[in-house]
Amino acid sequence: MSKLIHNYTFWLLLISCLMLIPHLSVIEVNIMEARNFITAREMVRNNNWILTTINDLPRYEKPPLPTWLTALSGLFFGFETIFGLRLPVVFITLLLVFSTYKLSEKLGLSHQQNFHNGLILITSFYIYFAGRDNQWDMYTHSFMMVCIVFLWKFLNDKNYSFLYALLSGLFFGFSFLSKGPISVYALLLPFLIAYGLTYKFELKGKKFYIFLILLIGLCIGLSWPLYVRYLDPETVKRVTQLESGRWGNYNIRPFYYYWSFFTQSGIWTVPAFIALFYPYLKTKVSNLKAYQFTLIWTLAAVILLSIIPEKKSRYLLPVLIPMALNTGFYIDYLIHSFKNINLKKEKIVINFAFGLVVFICVAIPIGLFIKIKNDISGLEFWFIGLTISLFALGYIIFQNLRNKDFLKVFYGVVGVQVAVIIFGVPLTKAVLINPDYHSAKELKEKENELGIKTYEMSSFTPEIVWDYGHSIPVLLNEKTDELNFPLEKKFGILASKTDSILSKKKLENYTLKKISTVDLNRVPKESKKHNDRLFRIYYLATKK
């Protein structure tokens, strides 16, 4: 029994699986995930694994490794099973958690602190959110984290230099083949800066192996884009211009936009923020050099990301990795020193940080009941389970704060995150309700009934194409701004609200009859969050 209790690998795996696997198919497929799923589906159906497409149009914006893995999962589980299509990102997230755990071991920390660092990482909001959402970000950073672990071994182990260089280069290439140089810039470069400033580079006799790492990584990472450029140079040129233009003209945010980066860790927001205060924590940590390393790594990543004009909150994912290690130093300090803290201000901060979790444990069930009390039918089990578990965990955290047993407080906070995933995720069905929701799958019945084929008026929405189940040809030619009408005398047209007005002029030779709508929004039309991009009017067009 004692061996099981201290089997940190087992418990980290268990908690990680509980954070990632339950109710994996409940949350709706978003735009980025839909693009990945559509491309994977078309890879298999069209047997085209190199010249990737979306809605049967070239799609070269993202490298294909994540989509290849998704396509393989689709082959095994089928493309109708969201659970199966999201399993690859679950395994990739586990790879991130355990590679971070291994790097923590290399820092010379205790077994318990390594375990806690892994728990902080997997219970950080955007880590487990991205780990349940099958898009490109988690892949590129997970592979890069494995690259960093082998790079650490290469830099610190005199033996097996060739093997570590080979493996480091291999995963460098996998990361590049997942989302280009994004993780090189946002994760690897900050790591190298932090390592150089704290541990110093000793590269005597290793320069050839560094060249080998880069050679292997770039050969793998550039293999697909160079091959596609050779096969389809015009499309690649257009995509490259579009993507490079977005870096300076799309989603532009001020330099300080990421300064609240620690809030992306969710429940660890306050501890993560406190752990950034070097003057406060430098005399309290168990390993000062390792703390300096994780702190510099975290801040270097934030600064480098802040330099880029284009900013999105999901781009902060690589920052959460070193920040979990950095937060672990503060948690470790509280576990060993909480009972001996006498400074009143320090006590107030700690009680506020974790007393806030207690408040959340009480507020969530009460707030949910007020919101969904009229729509809870069929979901009672999940609501009762969430209420009991959060009330119990809130009581455990409160009591152990009073008793100054911080280890139990920490595990209680981890338990809160697990409870929210297991019991809370199904309740989103009661929170997100659109009485006018209509799936694109419903169009199949109309097509069979009327004997028609469906077309998009001017542009396609990935979520609708994914939900529909097949590609939907677009009538509008973007180059000529003309509609390319099909040969059929009768066909279906999906049009947005704007299209429905403009189309009357362009479809003067056709009679239009509205027969249904498609609305994939999970909130009603009155809500500010209702997105017109997910709404279409379905017309029957008949040639006069």
Protein backbone atom coordinates (compact mmCIF):
# COMPACT_ATOMS: atom_id res chain seq x y z
CA MET A 1 0.00 0.00 0.00
CA SER A 2 2.85 2.36 0.86
CA LYS A 3 4.42 1.73 -2.55
CA LEU A 4 1.16 2.65 -4.29
CA ILE A 5 0.75 5.85 -2.24
CA HIS A 6 4.21 7.02 -3.25
CA ASN A 7 3.93 5.83 -6.86
CA TYR A 8 3.83 9.36 -8.21
CA THR A 9 3.90 8.25 -11.85
CA PHE A 10 0.71 6.25 -11.35
CA TRP A 11 -1.13 9.08 -9.60
CA LEU A 12 0.00 11.67 -12.13
CA LEU A 13 -1.23 9.44 -14.95
CA LEU A 14 -4.54 8.85 -13.17
CA ILE A 15 -5.20 12.53 -12.46
CA SER A 16 -4.17 13.49 -15.99
CA CYS A 17 -6.56 10.94 -17.49
CA LEU A 18 -9.37 12.18 -15.24
CA MET A 19 -8.72 15.74 -16.43
CA LEU A 20 -8.62 14.81 -20.12
CA ILE A 21 -10.83 11.82 -20.92
CA PRO A 22 -14.26 12.11 -19.21
CA HIS A 23 -16.98 13.62 -21.44
CA LEU A 24 -14.43 14.22 -24.19
CA SER A 25 -17.12 14.52 -26.86
CA VAL A 26 -19.49 16.86 -24.97
CA ILE A 27 -18.01 20.25 -25.90
CA GLU A 28 -18.87 21.46 -29.41
CA VAL A 29 -16.26 21.36 -32.16
CA ASN A 30 -14.79 24.85 -32.63
CA ILE A 31 -13.43 26.46 -35.80
CA MET A 32 -9.79 25.37 -35.37
CA GLU A 33 -10.76 21.83 -34.49
CA ALA A 34 -13.25 21.68 -37.36
CA ARG A 35 -10.47 22.62 -39.81
CA ASN A 36 -8.33 19.80 -38.46
CA PHE A 37 -11.18 17.26 -38.57
CA ILE A 38 -12.30 18.19 -42.08
CA THR A 39 -8.75 17.95 -43.42
CA ALA A 40 -8.27 14.57 -41.71
CA ARG A 41 -11.57 13.30 -43.14
CA GLU A 42 -10.64 14.42 -46.66
CA MET A 43 -7.20 12.82 -46.30
CA VAL A 44 -8.86 9.46 -45.80
CA ARG A 45 -11.76 9.84 -48.23
CA ASN A 46 -9.67 11.31 -51.06
CA ASN A 47 -6.55 9.30 -50.19
CA ASN A 48 -4.56 12.54 -50.32
CA TRP A 49 -2.18 12.78 -47.36
CA ILE A 50 0.28 15.32 -48.75
CA LEU A 51 -1.61 18.04 -50.62
CA THR A 52 -3.97 18.66 -47.72
CA THR A 53 -7.42 20.14 -48.35
CA ILE A 54 -10.37 21.64 -46.51
CA ASN A 55 -13.77 21.53 -48.20
CA ASP A 56 -11.83 20.10 -51.17
CA LEU A 57 -9.78 23.31 -51.44
CA PRO A 58 -6.00 23.51 -50.78
CA ARG A 59 -5.18 23.89 -47.08
CA TYR A 60 -1.46 24.53 -46.55
CA GLU A 61 -1.66 26.99 -43.65
CA LYS A 62 -0.72 24.36 -41.06
CA PRO A 63 1.74 21.44 -41.27
CA PRO A 64 0.04 18.04 -41.37
CA LEU A 65 1.47 15.93 -38.51
CA PRO A 66 -1.43 16.57 -36.07
CA THR A 67 -3.90 15.97 -38.90
CA TRP A 68 -2.16 12.75 -39.93
CA LEU A 69 -2.53 11.45 -36.38
CA THR A 70 -6.17 12.57 -36.31
CA ALA A 71 -6.82 10.86 -39.65
CA LEU A 72 -5.36 7.60 -38.32
CA SER A 73 -7.65 7.84 -35.31
CA GLY A 74 -10.56 8.53 -37.66
CA LEU A 75 -9.70 5.42 -39.65
CA PHE A 76 -9.86 3.36 -36.46
CA PHE A 77 -12.82 4.94 -34.63
CA GLY A 78 -14.71 6.47 -37.56
CA PHE A 79 -15.26 10.12 -38.34
CA GLU A 80 -18.62 10.25 -36.58
CA THR A 81 -17.04 9.74 -33.14
CA ILE A 82 -15.74 12.97 -31.63
CA PHE A 83 -14.32 11.03 -28.68
CA GLY A 84 -12.09 8.99 -30.98
CA LEU A 85 -11.02 12.02 -33.00
CA ARG A 86 -9.95 13.84 -29.82
CA LEU A 87 -7.99 10.92 -28.37
CA PRO A 88 -4.76 11.84 -30.22
CA VAL A 89 -4.55 15.20 -28.46
CA VAL A 90 -5.18 13.47 -25.12
CA PHE A 91 -2.14 11.24 -25.66
CA ILE A 92 -0.09 14.21 -26.84
CA THR A 93 -1.05 16.14 -23.70
CA LEU A 94 0.02 13.18 -21.56
CA LEU A 95 3.33 13.38 -23.42
CA LEU A 96 3.61 17.03 -22.39
CA VAL A 97 2.79 16.30 -18.74
CA PHE A 98 5.32 13.51 -18.39
CA SER A 99 8.07 15.25 -20.34
CA THR A 100 7.63 18.24 -18.02
CA TYR A 101 7.70 15.84 -15.08
CA LYS A 102 10.97 14.38 -16.39
CA LEU A 103 12.51 17.82 -16.85
CA SER A 104 11.50 18.66 -13.29
CA GLU A 105 13.48 15.60 -12.17
CA LYS A 106 16.51 16.89 -14.07
CA LEU A 107 16.35 20.13 -12.09
CA GLY A 108 17.29 18.19 -8.95
CA LEU A 109 13.97 18.66 -7.14
CA SER A 110 12.35 16.20 -4.73
CA HIS A 111 10.12 13.40 -6.03
CA GLN A 112 7.14 15.00 -4.36
CA GLN A 113 7.79 18.41 -5.90
CA ASN A 114 8.19 16.84 -9.35
CA PHE A 115 4.82 15.16 -8.87
CA HIS A 116 3.22 18.40 -7.74
CA ASN A 117 4.66 20.27 -10.71
CA GLY A 118 2.98 17.75 -13.01
CA LEU A 119 -0.32 18.18 -11.16
CA ILE A 120 -0.14 21.96 -11.40
CA LEU A 121 0.49 21.69 -15.13
CA ILE A 122 -2.40 19.34 -15.96
CA THR A 123 -4.84 21.29 -13.75
CA SER A 124 -3.87 24.65 -15.27
CA PHE A 125 -6.89 25.87 -17.22
CA TYR A 126 -5.51 26.33 -20.68
CA ILE A 127 -3.44 23.14 -20.53
CA TYR A 128 -6.38 20.82 -19.91
CA PHE A 129 -8.61 22.95 -22.16
CA ALA A 130 -6.17 22.61 -25.06
CA GLY A 131 -5.65 18.95 -24.12
CA ARG A 132 -9.33 18.29 -24.85
CA ASP A 133 -9.39 20.32 -28.08
CA ASN A 134 -7.74 18.66 -31.08
CA GLN A 135 -5.92 21.50 -32.81
CA TRP A 136 -2.27 22.18 -33.58
CA ASP A 137 -0.95 24.06 -30.50
CA MET A 138 -0.70 21.15 -28.07
CA TYR A 139 1.16 18.99 -30.59
CA THR A 140 3.90 21.47 -31.41
CA HIS A 141 4.61 22.35 -27.77
CA SER A 142 4.42 18.76 -26.49
CA PHE A 143 6.91 17.54 -29.09
CA MET A 144 9.16 20.51 -28.34
CA MET A 145 9.04 19.72 -24.63
CA VAL A 146 10.31 16.20 -25.35
CA CYS A 147 13.02 17.78 -27.52
CA ILE A 148 13.99 19.99 -24.55
CA VAL A 149 14.23 17.00 -22.18
CA PHE A 150 16.66 15.22 -24.51
CA LEU A 151 18.49 18.49 -25.11
CA TRP A 152 18.94 18.83 -21.34
CA LYS A 153 20.36 15.32 -21.19
CA PHE A 154 22.63 16.12 -24.12
CA LEU A 155 23.93 19.26 -22.38
CA ASN A 156 24.48 17.59 -19.01
CA ASP A 157 25.41 13.99 -19.75
CA LYS A 158 28.84 13.23 -21.21
CA ASN A 159 27.68 9.80 -22.35
CA TYR A 160 25.20 9.04 -25.13
CA SER A 161 25.64 12.48 -26.75
CA PHE A 162 24.87 11.08 -30.20
CA LEU A 163 21.68 9.33 -29.01
CA TYR A 164 20.37 12.40 -27.15
CA ALA A 165 21.19 14.66 -30.09
CA LEU A 166 19.40 12.27 -32.44
CA LEU A 167 16.27 12.12 -30.26
CA SER A 168 16.31 15.86 -29.62
CA GLY A 169 16.50 16.54 -33.36
CA LEU A 170 13.75 14.03 -34.05
CA PHE A 171 11.24 15.71 -31.73
CA PHE A 172 12.40 19.14 -32.88
CA GLY A 173 11.35 18.03 -36.35
CA PHE A 174 8.01 16.68 -35.09
CA SER A 175 7.31 20.03 -33.42
CA PHE A 176 8.19 21.91 -36.62
CA LEU A 177 5.99 19.54 -38.62
CA SER A 178 3.09 20.33 -36.27
CA LYS A 179 2.97 24.13 -36.46
CA GLY A 180 6.15 25.40 -38.07
CA PRO A 181 8.65 27.40 -35.99
CA ILE A 182 6.06 28.57 -33.42
CA SER A 183 7.36 26.42 -30.56
CA VAL A 184 10.98 27.06 -31.53
CA TYR A 185 10.34 30.74 -30.83
CA ALA A 186 7.88 30.50 -27.93
CA LEU A 187 9.26 27.54 -25.96
CA LEU A 188 12.74 26.47 -27.08
CA LEU A 189 14.31 29.92 -27.43
CA PRO A 190 13.15 31.07 -23.95
CA PHE A 191 14.48 27.76 -22.56
CA LEU A 192 17.88 28.39 -24.15
CA ILE A 193 17.94 31.95 -22.79
CA ALA A 194 17.10 30.74 -19.28
CA TYR A 195 19.56 27.86 -19.43
CA GLY A 196 22.38 30.09 -20.66
CA LEU A 197 21.80 32.66 -17.92
CA THR A 198 21.56 30.17 -15.04
CA TYR A 199 23.47 26.99 -15.91
CA LYS A 200 25.77 28.26 -18.68
CA PHE A 201 26.52 26.33 -21.84
CA GLU A 202 29.46 23.94 -21.90
CA LEU A 203 29.70 22.91 -25.52
CA LYS A 204 33.27 21.66 -25.75
CA GLY A 205 33.29 18.67 -28.06
CA LYS A 206 29.54 18.96 -28.71
CA LYS A 207 29.33 21.47 -31.56
CA PHE A 208 28.96 18.75 -34.17
CA TYR A 209 26.01 17.28 -32.28
CA ILE A 210 24.32 20.69 -32.14
CA PHE A 211 24.63 20.83 -35.91
CA LEU A 212 23.18 17.30 -36.02
CA ILE A 213 20.14 18.36 -33.93
CA LEU A 214 19.42 21.25 -36.27
CA LEU A 215 20.02 19.16 -39.39
CA ILE A 216 17.67 16.35 -38.32
CA GLY A 217 15.04 18.78 -37.03
CA LEU A 218 15.00 20.96 -40.12
CA CYS A 219 15.08 18.00 -42.51
CA ILE A 220 11.97 16.56 -40.87
CA GLY A 221 10.26 19.89 -40.26
CA LEU A 222 10.82 21.32 -43.74
CA SER A 223 10.19 18.10 -45.65
CA TRP A 224 6.45 18.67 -46.12
CA PRO A 225 6.42 22.42 -46.88
CA LEU A 226 9.28 22.10 -49.39
CA TYR A 227 7.64 19.14 -51.12
CA VAL A 228 4.28 20.92 -51.32
CA ARG A 229 6.02 24.04 -52.62
CA TYR A 230 7.51 21.91 -55.37
CA LEU A 231 4.14 20.34 -56.28
CA ASP A 232 1.90 23.42 -55.96
CA PRO A 233 4.08 26.58 -55.94
CA GLU A 234 1.34 29.13 -56.78
CA THR A 235 -0.95 28.14 -53.90
CA VAL A 236 1.95 27.94 -51.46
CA LYS A 237 3.06 31.44 -52.47
CA ARG A 238 -0.45 32.82 -51.89
CA VAL A 239 -0.78 31.08 -48.51
CA THR A 240 2.68 32.25 -47.41
CA GLN A 241 1.84 35.87 -48.24
CA LEU A 242 -1.46 35.62 -46.40
CA GLU A 243 0.04 34.04 -43.28
CA SER A 244 3.05 36.37 -43.12
CA GLY A 245 0.76 39.37 -43.51
CA ARG A 246 -1.28 38.31 -40.49
CA TRP A 247 1.73 38.51 -38.19
CA GLY A 248 1.71 42.27 -38.56
CA ASN A 249 -1.89 43.09 -39.53
CA TYR A 250 -4.20 40.58 -37.85
CA ASN A 251 -5.37 40.51 -34.21
CA ILE A 252 -2.97 43.32 -33.35
CA ARG A 253 -2.69 43.88 -29.61
CA PRO A 254 -0.51 46.20 -27.51
CA PHE A 255 2.80 44.99 -26.08
CA TYR A 256 1.29 44.59 -22.57
CA TYR A 257 -1.61 42.40 -23.79
CA TYR A 258 -0.04 39.27 -22.25
CA TRP A 259 0.81 40.80 -18.88
CA SER A 260 -2.09 38.94 -17.26
CA PHE A 261 -0.63 35.66 -18.54
CA PHE A 262 -0.77 34.00 -15.11
CA THR A 263 -4.61 34.07 -15.19
CA GLN A 264 -4.50 31.40 -17.92
CA SER A 265 -3.54 28.92 -15.21
CA GLY A 266 -7.08 29.21 -13.85
CA ILE A 267 -7.32 27.95 -10.29
CA TRP A 268 -3.57 28.54 -9.78
CA THR A 269 -3.77 32.23 -10.75
CA VAL A 270 -2.88 33.69 -7.35
CA PRO A 271 -0.09 31.18 -6.48
CA ALA A 272 1.35 31.59 -10.00
CA PHE A 273 1.37 35.36 -9.56
CA ILE A 274 3.04 35.19 -6.14
CA ALA A 275 5.68 32.77 -7.47
CA LEU A 276 6.80 35.46 -9.93
CA PHE A 277 8.01 37.71 -7.07
CA TYR A 278 11.68 36.81 -6.97
CA PRO A 279 12.66 39.06 -3.99
CA TYR A 280 9.96 37.40 -1.87
CA LEU A 281 10.59 33.78 -2.82
CA LYS A 282 14.35 33.63 -3.42
CA THR A 283 15.16 32.88 0.25
CA LYS A 284 12.31 30.39 0.60
CA VAL A 285 12.82 27.95 -2.28
CA SER A 286 14.53 24.58 -1.98
CA ASN A 287 16.68 25.07 -5.08
CA LEU A 288 17.51 28.69 -5.92
CA LYS A 289 19.22 28.05 -9.27
CA ALA A 290 16.34 25.91 -10.52
CA TYR A 291 13.88 28.60 -9.41
CA GLN A 292 15.86 31.27 -11.24
CA PHE A 293 15.84 29.06 -14.32
CA THR A 294 12.05 28.51 -14.38
CA LEU A 295 11.38 32.18 -13.62
CA ILE A 296 13.61 33.44 -16.45
CA TRP A 297 12.17 30.82 -18.81
CA THR A 298 8.62 31.98 -18.01
CA LEU A 299 9.33 35.70 -18.33
CA ALA A 300 11.46 35.27 -21.46
CA ALA A 301 8.58 33.42 -23.14
CA VAL A 302 6.13 36.20 -22.24
CA ILE A 303 8.47 38.93 -23.50
CA LEU A 304 9.20 37.16 -26.78
CA LEU A 305 5.50 36.58 -27.41
CA SER A 306 4.75 40.21 -26.53
CA ILE A 307 7.10 41.42 -29.26
CA ILE A 308 4.93 39.82 -31.97
CA PRO A 309 2.11 42.22 -32.99
CA GLU A 310 -0.44 39.43 -33.51
CA LYS A 311 -1.69 38.17 -30.15
CA LYS A 312 -4.28 35.65 -29.00
CA SER A 313 -4.82 34.23 -25.52
CA ARG A 314 -4.24 30.67 -26.76
CA TYR A 315 -0.72 31.64 -27.83
CA LEU A 316 0.14 31.69 -24.11
CA LEU A 317 0.06 27.90 -23.92
CA PRO A 318 3.88 27.51 -23.98
CA VAL A 319 4.21 30.02 -21.11
CA LEU A 320 2.13 27.78 -18.82
CA ILE A 321 4.71 25.00 -19.03
CA PRO A 322 7.64 26.71 -17.26
CA MET A 323 5.14 28.65 -15.14
CA ALA A 324 3.83 25.37 -13.68
CA LEU A 325 7.39 24.50 -12.62
CA ASN A 326 7.83 28.01 -11.24
CA THR A 327 4.55 27.88 -9.29
CA GLY A 328 5.66 24.55 -7.85
CA PHE A 329 8.39 26.31 -5.86
CA TYR A 330 5.83 28.43 -4.02
CA ILE A 331 3.59 25.40 -3.39
CA ASP A 332 6.59 23.42 -2.09
CA TYR A 333 7.47 26.29 0.25
CA LEU A 334 3.92 26.35 1.67
CA ILE A 335 3.86 22.57 2.15
CA HIS A 336 7.02 22.65 4.25
CA SER A 337 6.69 26.03 5.95
CA PHE A 338 3.00 26.90 6.26
CA LYS A 339 2.85 25.98 9.95
CA ASN A 340 5.80 28.23 10.74
CA ILE A 341 4.63 31.35 8.91
CA ASN A 342 4.12 34.14 11.44
CA LEU A 343 4.06 37.24 9.23
CA LYS A 344 0.50 38.53 9.26
CA LYS A 345 0.54 39.91 5.71
CA GLU A 346 1.83 36.63 4.35
CA LYS A 347 -0.92 34.71 6.15
CA ILE A 348 -3.56 37.05 4.75
CA VAL A 349 -2.32 36.50 1.19
CA ILE A 350 -2.28 32.70 1.57
CA ASN A 351 -5.71 32.57 3.19
CA PHE A 352 -7.10 34.82 0.47
CA ALA A 353 -5.57 32.76 -2.35
CA PHE A 354 -6.92 29.44 -1.16
CA GLY A 355 -9.95 30.78 0.68
CA LEU A 356 -11.04 32.00 -2.77
CA VAL A 357 -11.10 28.35 -3.88
CA VAL A 358 -13.38 27.54 -0.94
CA PHE A 359 -15.71 30.36 -2.02
CA ILE A 360 -15.70 28.98 -5.59
CA CYS A 361 -16.64 25.53 -4.28
CA VAL A 362 -19.75 27.03 -2.69
CA ALA A 363 -20.57 29.58 -5.41
CA ILE A 364 -20.48 27.23 -8.41
CA PRO A 365 -23.30 24.87 -7.30
CA ILE A 366 -25.47 27.75 -6.07
CA GLY A 367 -24.91 29.82 -9.22
CA LEU A 368 -25.53 26.81 -11.46
CA PHE A 369 -28.77 25.93 -9.67
CA ILE A 370 -30.08 29.47 -10.14
CA LYS A 371 -29.19 29.38 -13.83
CA ILE A 372 -30.29 25.87 -14.82
CA LYS A 373 -33.01 24.96 -12.30
CA ASN A 374 -35.63 24.93 -15.07
CA ASP A 375 -33.48 22.91 -17.48
CA ILE A 376 -31.92 20.36 -15.13
CA SER A 377 -34.16 17.45 -16.08
CA GLY A 378 -32.02 14.41 -16.96
CA LEU A 379 -28.90 16.01 -15.50
CA GLU A 380 -29.71 15.64 -11.80
CA PHE A 381 -27.01 13.03 -11.21
CA TRP A 382 -24.28 15.34 -12.50
CA PHE A 383 -25.56 18.35 -10.57
CA ILE A 384 -25.86 16.42 -7.30
CA GLY A 385 -22.41 14.89 -7.84
CA LEU A 386 -20.88 18.31 -8.51
CA THR A 387 -22.58 19.88 -5.49
CA ILE A 388 -21.57 17.16 -3.04
CA SER A 389 -17.99 16.92 -4.31
CA LEU A 390 -17.39 20.68 -4.33
CA PHE A 391 -18.97 21.22 -0.91
CA ALA A 392 -16.86 18.34 0.50
CA LEU A 393 -13.65 19.58 -1.12
CA GLY A 394 -14.36 23.15 -0.02
CA TYR A 395 -14.77 21.92 3.56
CA ILE A 396 -11.50 19.91 3.34
CA ILE A 397 -9.59 22.94 2.02
CA PHE A 398 -11.11 25.22 4.68
CA GLN A 399 -10.37 22.85 7.56
CA ASN A 400 -6.80 22.22 6.49
CA LEU A 401 -6.17 25.93 6.03
CA ARG A 402 -7.21 26.31 9.66
CA ASN A 403 -5.07 23.34 10.70
CA LYS A 404 -2.15 24.60 8.55
CA ASP A 405 -1.83 21.29 6.72
CA PHE A 406 -1.06 22.68 3.31
CA LEU A 407 -0.38 19.34 1.60
CA LYS A 408 -4.05 18.45 2.01
CA VAL A 409 -5.03 21.95 0.87
CA PHE A 410 -3.05 21.42 -2.32
CA TYR A 411 -4.59 18.03 -3.05
CA GLY A 412 -8.00 19.51 -2.30
CA VAL A 413 -7.47 22.18 -4.98
CA VAL A 414 -6.44 19.50 -7.48
CA GLY A 415 -9.57 17.57 -6.50
CA VAL A 416 -11.72 20.62 -7.29
CA GLN A 417 -10.47 20.62 -10.88
CA VAL A 418 -11.12 16.89 -11.25
CA ALA A 419 -14.64 17.27 -9.83
CA VAL A 420 -15.45 20.10 -12.25
CA ILE A 421 -14.39 17.96 -15.23
CA ILE A 422 -16.18 14.77 -14.10
CA PHE A 423 -19.43 16.31 -12.89
CA GLY A 424 -19.47 19.82 -14.34
CA VAL A 425 -18.83 19.32 -18.06
CA PRO A 426 -22.15 17.47 -18.72
CA LEU A 427 -24.02 20.42 -17.18
CA THR A 428 -22.95 22.64 -20.08
CA LYS A 429 -25.89 21.05 -21.93
CA ALA A 430 -28.22 22.87 -19.54
CA VAL A 431 -26.25 26.13 -19.58
CA LEU A 432 -25.87 26.40 -23.37
CA ILE A 433 -29.33 26.11 -24.90
CA ASN A 434 -30.48 27.46 -28.25
CA PRO A 435 -34.16 26.66 -28.96
CA ASP A 436 -33.51 27.39 -32.66
CA TYR A 437 -30.52 25.05 -32.96
CA HIS A 438 -30.51 23.16 -36.26
CA SER A 439 -27.72 20.83 -37.28
CA ALA A 440 -26.31 20.87 -40.79
CA LYS A 441 -26.92 17.12 -40.79
CA GLU A 442 -30.64 17.90 -41.15
CA LEU A 443 -29.95 19.09 -44.69
CA LYS A 444 -29.50 15.47 -45.75
CA GLU A 445 -33.23 14.85 -45.26
CA LYS A 446 -34.11 17.88 -47.39
CA GLU A 447 -31.69 16.76 -50.10
CA ASN A 448 -33.19 13.26 -50.23
CA GLU A 449 -36.73 14.61 -50.15
CA LEU A 450 -36.18 17.14 -52.95
CA GLY A 451 -33.51 15.26 -54.90
CA ILE A 452 -31.03 18.14 -54.79
CA LYS A 453 -27.40 18.90 -54.02
CA THR A 454 -26.32 21.64 -51.58
CA TYR A 455 -23.99 24.58 -52.30
CA GLU A 456 -22.61 27.48 -50.28
CA MET A 457 -23.29 30.97 -51.64
CA SER A 458 -20.05 32.89 -51.00
CA SER A 459 -17.90 31.23 -48.30
CA PHE A 460 -17.93 28.16 -46.12
CA THR A 461 -17.81 27.89 -42.34
CA PRO A 462 -15.62 25.00 -41.11
CA GLU A 463 -18.00 24.03 -38.28
CA ILE A 464 -20.93 23.75 -40.73
CA VAL A 465 -18.91 21.73 -43.25
CA TRP A 466 -17.76 19.39 -40.50
CA ASP A 467 -21.27 18.97 -39.12
CA TYR A 468 -22.70 18.42 -42.61
CA GLY A 469 -20.37 15.46 -43.14
CA HIS A 470 -19.06 16.26 -46.63
CA SER A 471 -17.55 19.13 -48.55
CA ILE A 472 -19.95 21.87 -49.71
CA PRO A 473 -19.01 23.52 -53.04
CA VAL A 474 -18.92 27.34 -52.97
CA LEU A 475 -20.63 29.16 -55.85
CA LEU A 476 -18.79 32.47 -55.58
CA ASN A 477 -15.51 32.78 -57.46
CA GLU A 478 -13.38 35.08 -55.30
CA LYS A 479 -11.14 36.13 -58.20
CA THR A 480 -13.98 37.22 -60.54
CA ASP A 481 -16.64 37.94 -57.89
CA GLU A 482 -19.06 35.95 -60.03
CA LEU A 483 -21.33 33.06 -59.12
CA ASN A 484 -20.52 29.79 -60.89
CA PHE A 485 -23.96 28.18 -61.10
CA PRO A 486 -24.28 24.39 -61.20
CA LEU A 487 -25.83 22.62 -64.20
CA GLU A 488 -28.76 21.34 -62.16
CA LYS A 489 -32.10 23.10 -62.65
CA LYS A 490 -32.81 22.73 -58.95
CA PHE A 491 -30.35 22.87 -56.04
CA GLY A 492 -29.99 23.99 -52.43
CA ILE A 493 -28.12 27.14 -51.38
CA LEU A 494 -26.75 27.95 -47.93
CA ALA A 495 -26.61 31.71 -47.50
CA SER A 496 -25.67 33.97 -44.64
CA LYS A 497 -27.90 36.89 -43.67
CA THR A 498 -25.85 39.20 -45.88
CA ASP A 499 -25.86 36.72 -48.74
CA SER A 500 -29.63 36.40 -48.62
CA ILE A 501 -29.92 40.09 -49.54
CA LEU A 502 -27.22 40.22 -52.22
CA SER A 503 -28.20 36.95 -53.84
CA LYS A 504 -31.54 38.24 -55.10
CA LYS A 505 -29.68 40.41 -57.62
CA LYS A 506 -27.26 37.71 -58.66
CA LEU A 507 -29.89 34.94 -58.85
CA GLU A 508 -32.39 36.74 -61.05
CA ASN A 509 -32.73 33.67 -63.28
CA TYR A 510 -33.69 31.51 -60.31
CA THR A 511 -36.66 31.32 -58.00
CA LEU A 512 -35.64 31.18 -54.34
CA LYS A 513 -37.70 29.48 -51.67
CA LYS A 514 -36.62 29.39 -48.04
CA ILE A 515 -37.03 25.87 -46.70
CA SER A 516 -35.01 25.74 -43.45
CA THR A 517 -32.07 27.15 -41.49
CA VAL A 518 -28.81 25.91 -40.06
CA ASP A 519 -27.85 27.32 -36.65
CA LEU A 520 -24.96 25.71 -34.79
CA ASN A 521 -24.94 28.32 -32.02
CA ARG A 522 -25.45 26.92 -28.54
CA VAL A 523 -26.89 30.23 -27.34
CA PRO A 524 -30.15 31.89 -28.50
CA LYS A 525 -30.33 34.68 -31.07
CA GLU A 526 -30.88 37.26 -28.35
CA SER A 527 -27.50 36.51 -26.77
CA LYS A 528 -24.51 38.73 -27.52
CA LYS A 529 -22.49 35.54 -28.00
CA HIS A 530 -24.71 34.37 -30.86
CA ASN A 531 -22.40 34.19 -33.87
CA ASP A 532 -23.87 34.90 -37.32
CA ARG A 533 -20.95 32.96 -38.81
CA LEU A 534 -22.61 29.75 -37.58
CA PHE A 535 -26.00 30.64 -39.06
CA ARG A 536 -27.26 29.94 -42.58
CA ILE A 537 -30.57 30.21 -44.39
CA TYR A 538 -31.27 27.24 -46.66
CA TYR A 539 -32.94 28.06 -49.98
CA LEU A 540 -34.26 25.91 -52.75
CA ALA A 541 -33.12 27.50 -56.03
CA THR A 542 -35.14 26.56 -59.11
CA LYS A 543 -34.20 27.81 -62.59
CA LYS A 544 -36.96 29.87 -64.20
